[in-house]
């Protein structure tokens, strides 16, 4: 199947990074319409600290994973044919460091500010990515890298 046909049949109509942005922004809108507080200043300080850690780890993870894909000249687009199986760097610990990084990044901002309503929306995006996007990507990787990908899946978990 060529890339155009794959794109037409892909469950992914909107690029995954945009799904995270949309969920985050929708959460901000809901937060302003239906404000939710996380409580005392102590809880706010804890949330801000946790948010900074999540945001930092997420940014590093996503950028590192993206850099590796660019370095080896393979695609990050789910319906395009990958040219190389990446199993080093953050891919030694998770098969989806870009998605995990995006979740941690936007989750960190949501926790740190706090935009409470963004959190369940981001979780919903992660559930969608896990159920609809990742299986498509894994199918392409199985087709292109058969035994090597099978072995990689046994060594590295989908998430963490």
C-alpha atoms as a PDB file:
ATOM      1  CA  UNK A   1       0.000   0.000   0.000  1.00  0.00           C
ATOM      2  CA  UNK A   2       1.467   3.374  -0.905  1.00  0.00           C
ATOM      3  CA  UNK A   3       1.739   6.271   1.558  1.00  0.00           C
ATOM      4  CA  UNK A   4      -1.323   8.103   0.176  1.00  0.00           C
ATOM      5  CA  UNK A   5      -3.480   4.998   0.578  1.00  0.00           C
ATOM      6  CA  UNK A   6      -2.103   4.440   4.087  1.00  0.00           C
ATOM      7  CA  UNK A   7      -2.890   8.052   4.967  1.00  0.00           C
ATOM      8  CA  UNK A   8      -6.469   7.698   3.737  1.00  0.00           C
ATOM      9  CA  UNK A   9      -6.988   4.599   5.919  1.00  0.00           C
ATOM     10  CA  UNK A  10      -5.052   5.833   8.925  1.00  0.00           C
ATOM     11  CA  UNK A  11      -6.980   6.421  12.156  1.00  0.00           C
ATOM     12  CA  UNK A  12      -4.780   9.467  12.443  1.00  0.00           C
ATOM     13  CA  UNK A  13      -6.305  12.432  10.636  1.00  0.00           C
ATOM     14  CA  UNK A  14      -4.654  15.029  12.876  1.00  0.00           C
ATOM     15  CA  UNK A  15      -0.940  14.640  13.711  1.00  0.00           C
ATOM     16  CA  UNK A  16      -0.478  13.363  17.254  1.00  0.00           C
ATOM     17  CA  UNK A  17       1.411  16.436  18.518  1.00  0.00           C
ATOM     18  CA  UNK A  18      -1.582  18.563  17.509  1.00  0.00           C
ATOM     19  CA  UNK A  19      -3.921  16.247  19.418  1.00  0.00           C
ATOM     20  CA  UNK A  20      -1.954  16.990  22.567  1.00  0.00           C
ATOM     21  CA  UNK A  21      -2.002  20.740  21.842  1.00  0.00           C
ATOM     22  CA  UNK A  22      -5.758  20.696  21.167  1.00  0.00           C
ATOM     23  CA  UNK A  23      -6.491  18.708  24.340  1.00  0.00           C
ATOM     24  CA  UNK A  24      -4.319  21.033  26.404  1.00  0.00           C
ATOM     25  CA  UNK A  25      -5.927  24.173  24.964  1.00  0.00           C
ATOM     26  CA  UNK A  26      -9.435  22.757  25.382  1.00  0.00           C
ATOM     27  CA  UNK A  27      -8.603  22.066  29.019  1.00  0.00           C
ATOM     28  CA  UNK A  28      -7.531  25.673  29.503  1.00  0.00           C
ATOM     29  CA  UNK A  29     -10.819  26.903  28.042  1.00  0.00           C
ATOM     30  CA  UNK A  30     -12.831  24.607  30.303  1.00  0.00           C
ATOM     31  CA  UNK A  31     -10.683  25.670  33.284  1.00  0.00           C
ATOM     32  CA  UNK A  32     -11.652  29.302  32.715  1.00  0.00           C
ATOM     33  CA  UNK A  33     -15.344  28.430  32.258  1.00  0.00           C
ATOM     34  CA  UNK A  34     -15.509  25.910  35.133  1.00  0.00           C
ATOM     35  CA  UNK A  35     -12.579  26.736  37.438  1.00  0.00           C
ATOM     36  CA  UNK A  36     -11.274  23.931  39.627  1.00  0.00           C
ATOM     37  CA  UNK A  37      -8.804  24.613  42.416  1.00  0.00           C
ATOM     38  CA  UNK A  38      -6.319  22.075  43.709  1.00  0.00           C
ATOM     39  CA  UNK A  39      -6.428  23.518  47.206  1.00  0.00           C
ATOM     40  CA  UNK A  40      -4.000  25.237  49.521  1.00  0.00           C
ATOM     41  CA  UNK A  41      -0.801  27.019  48.615  1.00  0.00           C
ATOM     42  CA  UNK A  42       1.147  23.949  49.772  1.00  0.00           C
ATOM     43  CA  UNK A  43      -0.608  21.785  47.167  1.00  0.00           C
ATOM     44  CA  UNK A  44      -0.068  24.468  44.523  1.00  0.00           C
ATOM     45  CA  UNK A  45       3.673  24.531  45.320  1.00  0.00           C
ATOM     46  CA  UNK A  46       3.859  20.728  45.126  1.00  0.00           C
ATOM     47  CA  UNK A  47       1.937  20.747  41.833  1.00  0.00           C
ATOM     48  CA  UNK A  48       4.237  23.419  40.413  1.00  0.00           C
ATOM     49  CA  UNK A  49       7.350  21.440  41.359  1.00  0.00           C
ATOM     50  CA  UNK A  50       5.923  18.234  39.908  1.00  0.00           C
ATOM     51  CA  UNK A  51       4.863  20.142  36.798  1.00  0.00           C
ATOM     52  CA  UNK A  52       8.374  21.484  36.218  1.00  0.00           C
ATOM     53  CA  UNK A  53       9.868  17.997  36.543  1.00  0.00           C
ATOM     54  CA  UNK A  54       7.280  16.468  34.188  1.00  0.00           C
ATOM     55  CA  UNK A  55       7.645  19.294  31.658  1.00  0.00           C
ATOM     56  CA  UNK A  56      11.448  19.047  31.679  1.00  0.00           C
ATOM     57  CA  UNK A  57      11.583  15.259  31.387  1.00  0.00           C
ATOM     58  CA  UNK A  58       8.915  15.319  28.676  1.00  0.00           C
ATOM     59  CA  UNK A  59      10.699  17.976  26.614  1.00  0.00           C
ATOM     60  CA  UNK A  60      14.040  16.183  26.857  1.00  0.00           C
ATOM     61  CA  UNK A  61      12.494  12.841  25.959  1.00  0.00           C
ATOM     62  CA  UNK A  62      10.524  14.128  22.962  1.00  0.00           C
ATOM     63  CA  UNK A  63      13.367  16.227  21.558  1.00  0.00           C
ATOM     64  CA  UNK A  64      15.925  13.430  22.061  1.00  0.00           C
ATOM     65  CA  UNK A  65      13.693  10.900  20.281  1.00  0.00           C
ATOM     66  CA  UNK A  66      12.952  13.323  17.430  1.00  0.00           C
ATOM     67  CA  UNK A  67      16.658  14.116  17.045  1.00  0.00           C
ATOM     68  CA  UNK A  68      17.466  10.409  16.717  1.00  0.00           C
ATOM     69  CA  UNK A  69      14.884   9.948  13.962  1.00  0.00           C
ATOM     70  CA  UNK A  70      16.276  12.924  12.075  1.00  0.00           C
ATOM     71  CA  UNK A  71      19.827  11.670  12.555  1.00  0.00           C
ATOM     72  CA  UNK A  72      19.051   8.269  10.998  1.00  0.00           C
ATOM     73  CA  UNK A  73      16.768   9.796   8.323  1.00  0.00           C
ATOM     74  CA  UNK A  74      13.615   7.872   9.127  1.00  0.00           C
ATOM     75  CA  UNK A  75      10.061   9.124   9.311  1.00  0.00           C
ATOM     76  CA  UNK A  76       8.000  10.171  12.307  1.00  0.00           C
ATOM     77  CA  UNK A  77       4.790  10.078  10.247  1.00  0.00           C
ATOM     78  CA  UNK A  78       2.681   7.022  11.171  1.00  0.00           C
ATOM     79  CA  UNK A  79       1.516   6.199   7.623  1.00  0.00           C
ATOM     80  CA  UNK A  80       4.916   6.597   5.949  1.00  0.00           C
ATOM     81  CA  UNK A  81       7.325   3.707   5.522  1.00  0.00           C
ATOM     82  CA  UNK A  82      10.103   3.694   8.122  1.00  0.00           C
ATOM     83  CA  UNK A  83      13.635   3.226   6.822  1.00  0.00           C
ATOM     84  CA  UNK A  84      15.269   2.120  10.035  1.00  0.00           C
ATOM     85  CA  UNK A  85      14.320   0.463  13.311  1.00  0.00           C
ATOM     86  CA  UNK A  86      15.589   2.674  16.121  1.00  0.00           C
ATOM     87  CA  UNK A  87      16.402   0.765  19.305  1.00  0.00           C
ATOM     88  CA  UNK A  88      18.886   3.034  21.056  1.00  0.00           C
ATOM     89  CA  UNK A  89      18.703   6.195  23.133  1.00  0.00           C
ATOM     90  CA  UNK A  90      15.312   6.531  24.821  1.00  0.00           C
ATOM     91  CA  UNK A  91      14.058   3.669  22.629  1.00  0.00           C
ATOM     92  CA  UNK A  92      15.934   1.306  24.965  1.00  0.00           C
ATOM     93  CA  UNK A  93      13.341   2.109  27.673  1.00  0.00           C
ATOM     94  CA  UNK A  94      10.120   2.807  25.786  1.00  0.00           C
ATOM     95  CA  UNK A  95       8.968   2.123  22.230  1.00  0.00           C
ATOM     96  CA  UNK A  96       7.119   5.463  22.171  1.00  0.00           C
ATOM     97  CA  UNK A  97       9.325   8.155  23.704  1.00  0.00           C
ATOM     98  CA  UNK A  98       7.935  10.939  21.494  1.00  0.00           C
ATOM     99  CA  UNK A  99       4.346  10.331  22.588  1.00  0.00           C
ATOM    100  CA  UNK A 100       5.366   9.766  26.191  1.00  0.00           C
ATOM    101  CA  UNK A 101       7.410  12.971  26.063  1.00  0.00           C
ATOM    102  CA  UNK A 102       4.471  14.950  24.685  1.00  0.00           C
ATOM    103  CA  UNK A 103       2.197  13.589  27.400  1.00  0.00           C
ATOM    104  CA  UNK A 104       4.694  14.459  30.147  1.00  0.00           C
ATOM    105  CA  UNK A 105       5.372  17.904  28.654  1.00  0.00           C
ATOM    106  CA  UNK A 106       1.742  18.984  28.365  1.00  0.00           C
ATOM    107  CA  UNK A 107       0.815  17.134  31.548  1.00  0.00           C
ATOM    108  CA  UNK A 108       3.571  19.018  33.345  1.00  0.00           C
ATOM    109  CA  UNK A 109       2.257  22.359  32.160  1.00  0.00           C
ATOM    110  CA  UNK A 110      -1.272  21.329  33.152  1.00  0.00           C
ATOM    111  CA  UNK A 111      -0.215  20.214  36.624  1.00  0.00           C
ATOM    112  CA  UNK A 112       2.124  23.144  37.188  1.00  0.00           C
ATOM    113  CA  UNK A 113      -0.202  26.035  36.371  1.00  0.00           C
ATOM    114  CA  UNK A 114      -2.656  24.184  37.279  1.00  0.00           C
ATOM    115  CA  UNK A 115      -5.072  23.632  34.433  1.00  0.00           C
ATOM    116  CA  UNK A 116      -6.878  20.718  36.022  1.00  0.00           C
ATOM    117  CA  UNK A 117      -9.282  20.130  33.125  1.00  0.00           C
ATOM    118  CA  UNK A 118      -6.416  19.567  30.685  1.00  0.00           C
ATOM    119  CA  UNK A 119      -5.263  16.487  32.577  1.00  0.00           C
ATOM    120  CA  UNK A 120      -8.207  14.149  31.787  1.00  0.00           C
ATOM    121  CA  UNK A 121      -8.225  15.404  28.191  1.00  0.00           C
ATOM    122  CA  UNK A 122      -4.521  14.598  27.829  1.00  0.00           C
ATOM    123  CA  UNK A 123      -5.132  11.150  29.319  1.00  0.00           C
ATOM    124  CA  UNK A 124      -7.902  10.654  26.735  1.00  0.00           C
ATOM    125  CA  UNK A 125      -5.449  11.553  23.950  1.00  0.00           C
ATOM    126  CA  UNK A 126      -2.923   9.062  25.330  1.00  0.00           C
ATOM    127  CA  UNK A 127      -5.612   6.357  25.441  1.00  0.00           C
ATOM    128  CA  UNK A 128      -6.537   7.149  21.818  1.00  0.00           C
ATOM    129  CA  UNK A 129      -2.895   7.064  20.734  1.00  0.00           C
ATOM    130  CA  UNK A 130      -2.412   3.723  22.504  1.00  0.00           C
ATOM    131  CA  UNK A 131      -5.557   2.178  21.005  1.00  0.00           C
ATOM    132  CA  UNK A 132      -5.607   3.648  17.480  1.00  0.00           C
ATOM    133  CA  UNK A 133      -2.279   5.166  16.455  1.00  0.00           C
ATOM    134  CA  UNK A 134       0.372   2.928  17.998  1.00  0.00           C
ATOM    135  CA  UNK A 135      -1.147  -0.300  16.606  1.00  0.00           C
ATOM    136  CA  UNK A 136      -0.979   1.168  13.078  1.00  0.00           C
ATOM    137  CA  UNK A 137       2.642   2.167  13.605  1.00  0.00           C
ATOM    138  CA  UNK A 138       3.483  -1.227  15.077  1.00  0.00           C
ATOM    139  CA  UNK A 139       1.909  -2.927  12.068  1.00  0.00           C
ATOM    140  CA  UNK A 140       4.153  -0.934   9.722  1.00  0.00           C
ATOM    141  CA  UNK A 141       7.192  -1.778  11.810  1.00  0.00           C
ATOM    142  CA  UNK A 142       6.276  -5.488  11.821  1.00  0.00           C
ATOM    143  CA  UNK A 143       5.892  -5.430   8.035  1.00  0.00           C
ATOM    144  CA  UNK A 144       9.210  -3.680   7.502  1.00  0.00           C
ATOM    145  CA  UNK A 145      11.433  -5.171  10.198  1.00  0.00           C
ATOM    146  CA  UNK A 146       9.703  -8.516  11.001  1.00  0.00           C
ATOM    147  CA  UNK A 147      11.964 -10.552  13.319  1.00  0.00           C
ATOM    148  CA  UNK A 148      14.069  -7.585  14.462  1.00  0.00           C
ATOM    149  CA  UNK A 149      10.934  -5.728  15.530  1.00  0.00           C
ATOM    150  CA  UNK A 150       9.520  -8.835  17.202  1.00  0.00           C
ATOM    151  CA  UNK A 151      12.707  -9.177  19.275  1.00  0.00           C
ATOM    152  CA  UNK A 152      12.678  -5.468  20.077  1.00  0.00           C
ATOM    153  CA  UNK A 153       9.084  -5.709  21.359  1.00  0.00           C
ATOM    154  CA  UNK A 154      10.109  -8.503  23.708  1.00  0.00           C
ATOM    155  CA  UNK A 155      12.953  -6.398  25.102  1.00  0.00           C
ATOM    156  CA  UNK A 156      11.224  -3.002  25.378  1.00  0.00           C
ATOM    157  CA  UNK A 157       7.745  -2.199  26.662  1.00  0.00           C
ATOM    158  CA  UNK A 158       5.324  -0.055  24.682  1.00  0.00           C
ATOM    159  CA  UNK A 159       5.355   2.708  27.297  1.00  0.00           C
ATOM    160  CA  UNK A 160       7.495   2.228  30.422  1.00  0.00           C
END
